[in-house]
Amino acid sequence: MKKAITIIMVLAALIALVGCNGSEGDTLDVNVMNERLGFRTIDVHVVISEPITDMDALLEITNDIARQSYQKNFSTIGTEFYTLTVYLYETEDDYEDEDVTYGYHTYLINKSVTEPGIDSGDDNLKIN
């Protein structure tokens, strides 16, 4: 009987924890306007739907976009060295005008044989 009560309590705790996954305000819509795969380069142009005022939040968004692009192109990249650059825009008009509102961040993929994977390269992000 004690085991059954313990199992029920553990399940109730897990359900409660699953319900605590954050508020709806934690999500942010981003639109990938263009993702180009060139000779050992990947350029991703992204419009962020809401104004960003926190540099840490901007870096987190950029890192997430880079991670997703890396995973998407993993089979093409293989073990080759690539440069991945994420360009960030505040509006679609900024994208059309090629005004990189929030700057860009460059990542190095498979920097060397001893350092495979994605590595944070040059951070050229900005908040106006």
N, C-alpha and C. Protein backbone atom coordinates (compact mmCIF):
# COMPACT_ATOMS: atom_id res chain seq x y z
N MET A 1 0.82 -1.20 0.00
CA MET A 1 0.00 0.00 0.00
C MET A 1 0.86 1.26 0.00
N LYS A 2 1.97 1.23 0.75
CA LYS A 2 2.85 2.39 0.82
C LYS A 2 3.47 2.68 -0.56
N LYS A 3 3.80 1.60 -1.29
CA LYS A 3 4.37 1.78 -2.62
C LYS A 3 3.37 2.45 -3.55
N ALA A 4 2.12 2.08 -3.48
CA ALA A 4 1.09 2.67 -4.34
C ALA A 4 0.92 4.15 -4.04
N ILE A 5 0.91 4.50 -2.75
CA ILE A 5 0.77 5.91 -2.36
C ILE A 5 1.99 6.70 -2.83
N THR A 6 3.17 6.13 -2.71
CA THR A 6 4.40 6.80 -3.15
C THR A 6 4.37 7.02 -4.66
N ILE A 7 3.95 6.01 -5.41
CA ILE A 7 3.88 6.14 -6.87
C ILE A 7 2.87 7.22 -7.26
N ILE A 8 1.73 7.26 -6.60
CA ILE A 8 0.72 8.28 -6.90
C ILE A 8 1.25 9.67 -6.59
N MET A 9 1.98 9.81 -5.49
CA MET A 9 2.54 11.12 -5.13
C MET A 9 3.60 11.57 -6.13
N VAL A 10 4.42 10.62 -6.58
CA VAL A 10 5.45 10.95 -7.58
C VAL A 10 4.79 11.38 -8.89
N LEU A 11 3.78 10.67 -9.31
CA LEU A 11 3.06 11.04 -10.54
C LEU A 11 2.41 12.41 -10.40
N ALA A 12 1.81 12.68 -9.25
CA ALA A 12 1.19 13.99 -9.03
C ALA A 12 2.24 15.09 -9.08
N ALA A 13 3.42 14.85 -8.51
CA ALA A 13 4.50 15.84 -8.54
C ALA A 13 4.98 16.08 -9.98
N LEU A 14 5.10 15.00 -10.76
CA LEU A 14 5.51 15.15 -12.16
C LEU A 14 4.50 15.95 -12.97
N ILE A 15 3.23 15.69 -12.75
CA ILE A 15 2.18 16.44 -13.45
C ILE A 15 2.24 17.91 -13.06
N ALA A 16 2.47 18.19 -11.80
CA ALA A 16 2.58 19.58 -11.35
C ALA A 16 3.78 20.27 -11.97
N LEU A 17 4.91 19.55 -12.08
CA LEU A 17 6.10 20.14 -12.69
C LEU A 17 5.91 20.39 -14.18
N VAL A 18 5.23 19.51 -14.86
CA VAL A 18 4.96 19.69 -16.28
C VAL A 18 4.10 20.94 -16.48
N GLY A 19 3.20 21.20 -15.58
CA GLY A 19 2.34 22.37 -15.68
C GLY A 19 3.08 23.67 -15.43
N CYS A 20 4.29 23.60 -14.90
CA CYS A 20 5.09 24.80 -14.58
C CYS A 20 6.12 25.07 -15.65
N ASN A 21 5.77 24.97 -16.90
CA ASN A 21 6.75 25.15 -17.97
C ASN A 21 6.87 26.58 -18.45
N GLY A 22 6.35 27.54 -17.73
CA GLY A 22 6.49 28.95 -18.11
C GLY A 22 5.18 29.51 -18.60
N SER A 23 5.14 30.81 -18.68
CA SER A 23 3.92 31.47 -19.12
C SER A 23 3.92 31.63 -20.62
N GLU A 24 2.78 32.02 -21.17
CA GLU A 24 2.68 32.21 -22.61
C GLU A 24 3.55 33.36 -23.07
N GLY A 25 3.86 34.29 -22.18
CA GLY A 25 4.69 35.44 -22.53
C GLY A 25 6.13 35.08 -22.80
N ASP A 26 6.52 33.84 -22.52
CA ASP A 26 7.89 33.42 -22.74
C ASP A 26 8.19 33.10 -24.20
N THR A 27 7.17 32.98 -25.04
CA THR A 27 7.40 32.66 -26.43
C THR A 27 7.54 33.94 -27.25
N LEU A 28 8.29 33.84 -28.31
CA LEU A 28 8.54 34.98 -29.17
C LEU A 28 8.53 34.49 -30.60
N ASP A 29 7.77 35.16 -31.45
CA ASP A 29 7.71 34.76 -32.85
C ASP A 29 8.89 35.36 -33.61
N VAL A 30 9.59 34.50 -34.32
CA VAL A 30 10.64 34.95 -35.21
C VAL A 30 10.35 34.38 -36.59
N ASN A 31 10.68 35.14 -37.61
CA ASN A 31 10.44 34.72 -38.99
C ASN A 31 11.78 34.60 -39.71
N VAL A 32 12.10 33.40 -40.14
CA VAL A 32 13.30 33.21 -40.95
C VAL A 32 12.93 33.64 -42.36
N MET A 33 13.49 34.77 -42.77
CA MET A 33 13.17 35.34 -44.07
C MET A 33 13.95 34.64 -45.19
N ASN A 34 15.20 34.24 -44.86
CA ASN A 34 16.04 33.62 -45.87
C ASN A 34 17.12 32.82 -45.15
N GLU A 35 17.36 31.63 -45.62
CA GLU A 35 18.47 30.81 -45.13
C GLU A 35 19.21 30.28 -46.35
N ARG A 36 20.43 30.78 -46.53
CA ARG A 36 21.23 30.40 -47.70
C ARG A 36 22.40 29.52 -47.29
N LEU A 37 22.52 28.43 -47.98
CA LEU A 37 23.64 27.52 -47.78
C LEU A 37 24.56 27.67 -48.97
N GLY A 38 25.76 28.20 -48.73
CA GLY A 38 26.72 28.40 -49.80
C GLY A 38 27.93 27.52 -49.60
N PHE A 39 29.02 27.86 -50.26
CA PHE A 39 30.25 27.08 -50.11
C PHE A 39 30.82 27.32 -48.73
N ARG A 40 30.58 26.35 -47.86
CA ARG A 40 31.04 26.38 -46.46
C ARG A 40 30.56 27.60 -45.68
N THR A 41 29.42 28.14 -46.07
CA THR A 41 28.79 29.23 -45.33
C THR A 41 27.28 28.98 -45.24
N ILE A 42 26.72 29.44 -44.15
CA ILE A 42 25.27 29.45 -43.98
C ILE A 42 24.92 30.83 -43.48
N ASP A 43 24.02 31.51 -44.18
CA ASP A 43 23.53 32.82 -43.78
C ASP A 43 22.05 32.71 -43.47
N VAL A 44 21.67 33.14 -42.28
CA VAL A 44 20.28 33.08 -41.86
C VAL A 44 19.83 34.51 -41.54
N HIS A 45 18.78 34.97 -42.23
CA HIS A 45 18.23 36.31 -42.01
C HIS A 45 16.89 36.16 -41.30
N VAL A 46 16.79 36.80 -40.12
CA VAL A 46 15.64 36.59 -39.24
C VAL A 46 15.04 37.93 -38.81
N VAL A 47 13.69 37.98 -38.88
CA VAL A 47 12.96 39.14 -38.35
C VAL A 47 12.36 38.72 -37.02
N ILE A 48 12.63 39.52 -35.98
CA ILE A 48 12.07 39.26 -34.65
C ILE A 48 10.81 40.10 -34.52
N SER A 49 9.72 39.46 -34.14
CA SER A 49 8.40 40.10 -34.19
C SER A 49 8.18 41.21 -33.17
N GLU A 50 8.92 41.19 -32.07
CA GLU A 50 8.74 42.19 -31.02
C GLU A 50 10.06 42.91 -30.77
N PRO A 51 10.00 44.18 -30.38
CA PRO A 51 11.24 44.90 -30.08
C PRO A 51 11.99 44.22 -28.92
N ILE A 52 13.29 44.12 -29.03
CA ILE A 52 14.13 43.52 -28.00
C ILE A 52 14.93 44.63 -27.33
N THR A 53 14.92 44.64 -26.00
CA THR A 53 15.65 45.67 -25.25
C THR A 53 16.73 45.07 -24.35
N ASP A 54 16.80 43.75 -24.28
CA ASP A 54 17.75 43.08 -23.39
C ASP A 54 18.77 42.32 -24.24
N MET A 55 20.05 42.64 -24.05
CA MET A 55 21.10 42.01 -24.84
C MET A 55 21.19 40.50 -24.58
N ASP A 56 20.97 40.07 -23.33
CA ASP A 56 21.01 38.64 -23.02
C ASP A 56 19.90 37.89 -23.76
N ALA A 57 18.72 38.50 -23.83
CA ALA A 57 17.61 37.88 -24.56
C ALA A 57 17.93 37.79 -26.05
N LEU A 58 18.53 38.83 -26.59
CA LEU A 58 18.91 38.83 -28.01
C LEU A 58 19.94 37.73 -28.29
N LEU A 59 20.90 37.58 -27.41
CA LEU A 59 21.91 36.53 -27.59
C LEU A 59 21.28 35.15 -27.47
N GLU A 60 20.35 34.98 -26.56
CA GLU A 60 19.67 33.69 -26.41
C GLU A 60 18.88 33.33 -27.66
N ILE A 61 18.18 34.31 -28.22
CA ILE A 61 17.42 34.10 -29.45
C ILE A 61 18.37 33.71 -30.58
N THR A 62 19.46 34.42 -30.69
CA THR A 62 20.44 34.17 -31.75
C THR A 62 21.05 32.77 -31.61
N ASN A 63 21.41 32.40 -30.40
CA ASN A 63 21.98 31.06 -30.17
C ASN A 63 20.98 29.97 -30.53
N ASP A 64 19.71 30.17 -30.21
CA ASP A 64 18.69 29.18 -30.52
C ASP A 64 18.51 29.04 -32.04
N ILE A 65 18.52 30.16 -32.74
CA ILE A 65 18.40 30.13 -34.21
C ILE A 65 19.60 29.41 -34.81
N ALA A 66 20.79 29.70 -34.31
CA ALA A 66 22.01 29.05 -34.83
C ALA A 66 21.97 27.55 -34.57
N ARG A 67 21.53 27.16 -33.39
CA ARG A 67 21.45 25.74 -33.05
C ARG A 67 20.48 25.02 -33.99
N GLN A 68 19.33 25.63 -34.23
CA GLN A 68 18.33 25.01 -35.11
C GLN A 68 18.84 24.90 -36.54
N SER A 69 19.51 25.93 -37.01
CA SER A 69 20.06 25.90 -38.38
C SER A 69 21.15 24.83 -38.49
N TYR A 70 21.99 24.74 -37.47
CA TYR A 70 23.05 23.72 -37.45
C TYR A 70 22.44 22.32 -37.51
N GLN A 71 21.43 22.09 -36.70
CA GLN A 71 20.78 20.78 -36.69
C GLN A 71 20.10 20.48 -38.03
N LYS A 72 19.47 21.49 -38.61
CA LYS A 72 18.79 21.31 -39.89
C LYS A 72 19.76 20.92 -41.00
N ASN A 73 20.95 21.52 -40.99
CA ASN A 73 21.93 21.31 -42.05
C ASN A 73 23.04 20.33 -41.67
N PHE A 74 22.87 19.62 -40.57
CA PHE A 74 23.91 18.74 -40.05
C PHE A 74 24.40 17.72 -41.08
N SER A 75 23.50 17.10 -41.80
CA SER A 75 23.91 16.07 -42.77
C SER A 75 24.70 16.66 -43.93
N THR A 76 24.41 17.90 -44.30
CA THR A 76 25.14 18.56 -45.38
C THR A 76 26.52 19.00 -44.90
N ILE A 77 26.58 19.51 -43.67
CA ILE A 77 27.84 20.02 -43.11
C ILE A 77 28.85 18.90 -42.91
N GLY A 78 28.39 17.80 -42.33
CA GLY A 78 29.30 16.69 -42.04
C GLY A 78 30.43 17.12 -41.13
N THR A 79 31.66 16.86 -41.55
CA THR A 79 32.83 17.24 -40.74
C THR A 79 33.56 18.44 -41.32
N GLU A 80 32.98 19.06 -42.34
CA GLU A 80 33.60 20.22 -42.99
C GLU A 80 33.49 21.46 -42.11
N PHE A 81 34.43 22.38 -42.30
CA PHE A 81 34.39 23.67 -41.61
C PHE A 81 33.38 24.58 -42.31
N TYR A 82 32.48 25.17 -41.54
CA TYR A 82 31.49 26.11 -42.05
C TYR A 82 31.46 27.35 -41.17
N THR A 83 31.03 28.45 -41.75
CA THR A 83 30.74 29.66 -41.00
C THR A 83 29.25 29.91 -41.09
N LEU A 84 28.61 30.05 -39.94
CA LEU A 84 27.17 30.30 -39.85
C LEU A 84 26.98 31.71 -39.32
N THR A 85 26.27 32.54 -40.07
CA THR A 85 26.02 33.92 -39.64
C THR A 85 24.52 34.15 -39.55
N VAL A 86 24.09 34.65 -38.39
CA VAL A 86 22.69 34.96 -38.14
C VAL A 86 22.55 36.48 -38.14
N TYR A 87 21.74 36.99 -39.07
CA TYR A 87 21.46 38.42 -39.18
C TYR A 87 20.07 38.68 -38.59
N LEU A 88 19.96 39.70 -37.75
CA LEU A 88 18.71 39.95 -37.04
C LEU A 88 18.13 41.32 -37.38
N TYR A 89 16.84 41.31 -37.73
CA TYR A 89 16.12 42.52 -38.13
C TYR A 89 14.92 42.74 -37.21
N GLU A 90 14.58 44.00 -37.01
CA GLU A 90 13.42 44.33 -36.18
C GLU A 90 12.12 44.20 -36.96
N THR A 91 12.14 44.57 -38.24
CA THR A 91 10.92 44.52 -39.06
C THR A 91 11.25 43.94 -40.44
N GLU A 92 10.21 43.55 -41.15
CA GLU A 92 10.39 43.07 -42.52
C GLU A 92 10.88 44.20 -43.42
N ASP A 93 10.47 45.45 -43.14
CA ASP A 93 10.96 46.58 -43.91
C ASP A 93 12.47 46.73 -43.75
N ASP A 94 12.98 46.53 -42.52
CA ASP A 94 14.42 46.58 -42.29
C ASP A 94 15.13 45.49 -43.11
N TYR A 95 14.52 44.31 -43.16
CA TYR A 95 15.09 43.23 -43.95
C TYR A 95 15.13 43.61 -45.43
N GLU A 96 14.02 44.14 -45.93
CA GLU A 96 13.96 44.55 -47.34
C GLU A 96 14.99 45.64 -47.64
N ASP A 97 15.22 46.56 -46.68
CA ASP A 97 16.18 47.65 -46.86
C ASP A 97 17.61 47.24 -46.53
N GLU A 98 17.79 45.96 -46.13
CA GLU A 98 19.09 45.43 -45.73
C GLU A 98 19.69 46.22 -44.57
N ASP A 99 18.84 46.69 -43.65
CA ASP A 99 19.25 47.39 -42.44
C ASP A 99 19.25 46.38 -41.30
N VAL A 100 20.39 45.81 -40.99
CA VAL A 100 20.50 44.76 -39.98
C VAL A 100 20.36 45.41 -38.60
N THR A 101 19.12 45.58 -38.16
CA THR A 101 18.76 46.35 -36.98
C THR A 101 19.51 45.91 -35.73
N TYR A 102 19.50 44.61 -35.47
CA TYR A 102 20.12 44.08 -34.25
C TYR A 102 21.53 43.54 -34.48
N GLY A 103 22.07 43.72 -35.66
CA GLY A 103 23.41 43.25 -35.94
C GLY A 103 23.43 41.79 -36.36
N TYR A 104 24.56 41.15 -36.16
CA TYR A 104 24.71 39.76 -36.57
C TYR A 104 25.67 39.05 -35.62
N HIS A 105 25.61 37.74 -35.67
CA HIS A 105 26.50 36.90 -34.86
C HIS A 105 27.02 35.80 -35.77
N THR A 106 28.33 35.60 -35.76
CA THR A 106 28.96 34.59 -36.59
C THR A 106 29.40 33.42 -35.73
N TYR A 107 29.07 32.21 -36.16
CA TYR A 107 29.43 30.98 -35.46
C TYR A 107 30.37 30.18 -36.34
N LEU A 108 31.28 29.45 -35.70
CA LEU A 108 32.20 28.58 -36.40
C LEU A 108 31.76 27.14 -36.19
N ILE A 109 31.59 26.41 -37.28
CA ILE A 109 31.17 25.02 -37.21
C ILE A 109 32.36 24.14 -37.59
N ASN A 110 32.64 23.15 -36.75
CA ASN A 110 33.77 22.23 -36.95
C ASN A 110 35.07 23.02 -37.12
N LYS A 111 35.33 23.85 -36.13
CA LYS A 111 36.49 24.74 -36.14
C LYS A 111 37.80 23.99 -36.40
N SER A 112 37.91 22.80 -35.82
CA SER A 112 39.07 21.96 -36.07
C SER A 112 38.67 20.51 -35.79
N VAL A 113 39.58 19.61 -36.06
CA VAL A 113 39.29 18.19 -35.83
C VAL A 113 39.06 17.94 -34.34
N THR A 114 39.77 18.67 -33.50
CA THR A 114 39.62 18.49 -32.06
C THR A 114 38.48 19.31 -31.47
N GLU A 115 37.88 20.19 -32.27
CA GLU A 115 36.77 21.03 -31.81
C GLU A 115 35.60 20.94 -32.79
N PRO A 116 34.96 19.77 -32.89
CA PRO A 116 33.81 19.66 -33.79
C PRO A 116 32.58 20.33 -33.18
N GLY A 117 31.57 20.53 -34.00
CA GLY A 117 30.33 21.13 -33.52
C GLY A 117 30.32 22.62 -33.74
N ILE A 118 29.36 23.28 -33.10
CA ILE A 118 29.17 24.72 -33.29
C ILE A 118 29.83 25.48 -32.15
N ASP A 119 30.54 26.55 -32.51
CA ASP A 119 31.26 27.36 -31.54
C ASP A 119 30.90 28.82 -31.76
N SER A 120 30.66 29.53 -30.69
CA SER A 120 30.32 30.95 -30.79
C SER A 120 31.54 31.72 -31.27
N GLY A 121 31.39 32.39 -32.38
CA GLY A 121 32.49 33.15 -32.96
C GLY A 121 32.38 34.62 -32.59
N ASP A 122 32.20 35.47 -33.57
CA ASP A 122 32.15 36.93 -33.37
C ASP A 122 30.74 37.39 -33.06
N ASP A 123 30.60 38.11 -31.96
CA ASP A 123 29.32 38.69 -31.54
C ASP A 123 29.29 40.15 -31.95
N ASN A 124 28.47 40.47 -32.95
CA ASN A 124 28.30 41.83 -33.42
C ASN A 124 26.85 42.26 -33.26
N LEU A 125 26.23 41.84 -32.15
CA LEU A 125 24.85 42.19 -31.87
C LEU A 125 24.79 43.58 -31.26
N LYS A 126 23.66 44.24 -31.46
CA LYS A 126 23.47 45.58 -30.93
C LYS A 126 22.01 45.83 -30.65
N ILE A 127 21.76 46.69 -29.70
CA ILE A 127 20.40 47.13 -29.42
C ILE A 127 20.41 48.66 -29.53
N ASN A 128 19.52 49.16 -30.35
CA ASN A 128 19.49 50.62 -30.57
C ASN A 128 18.83 51.34 -29.42
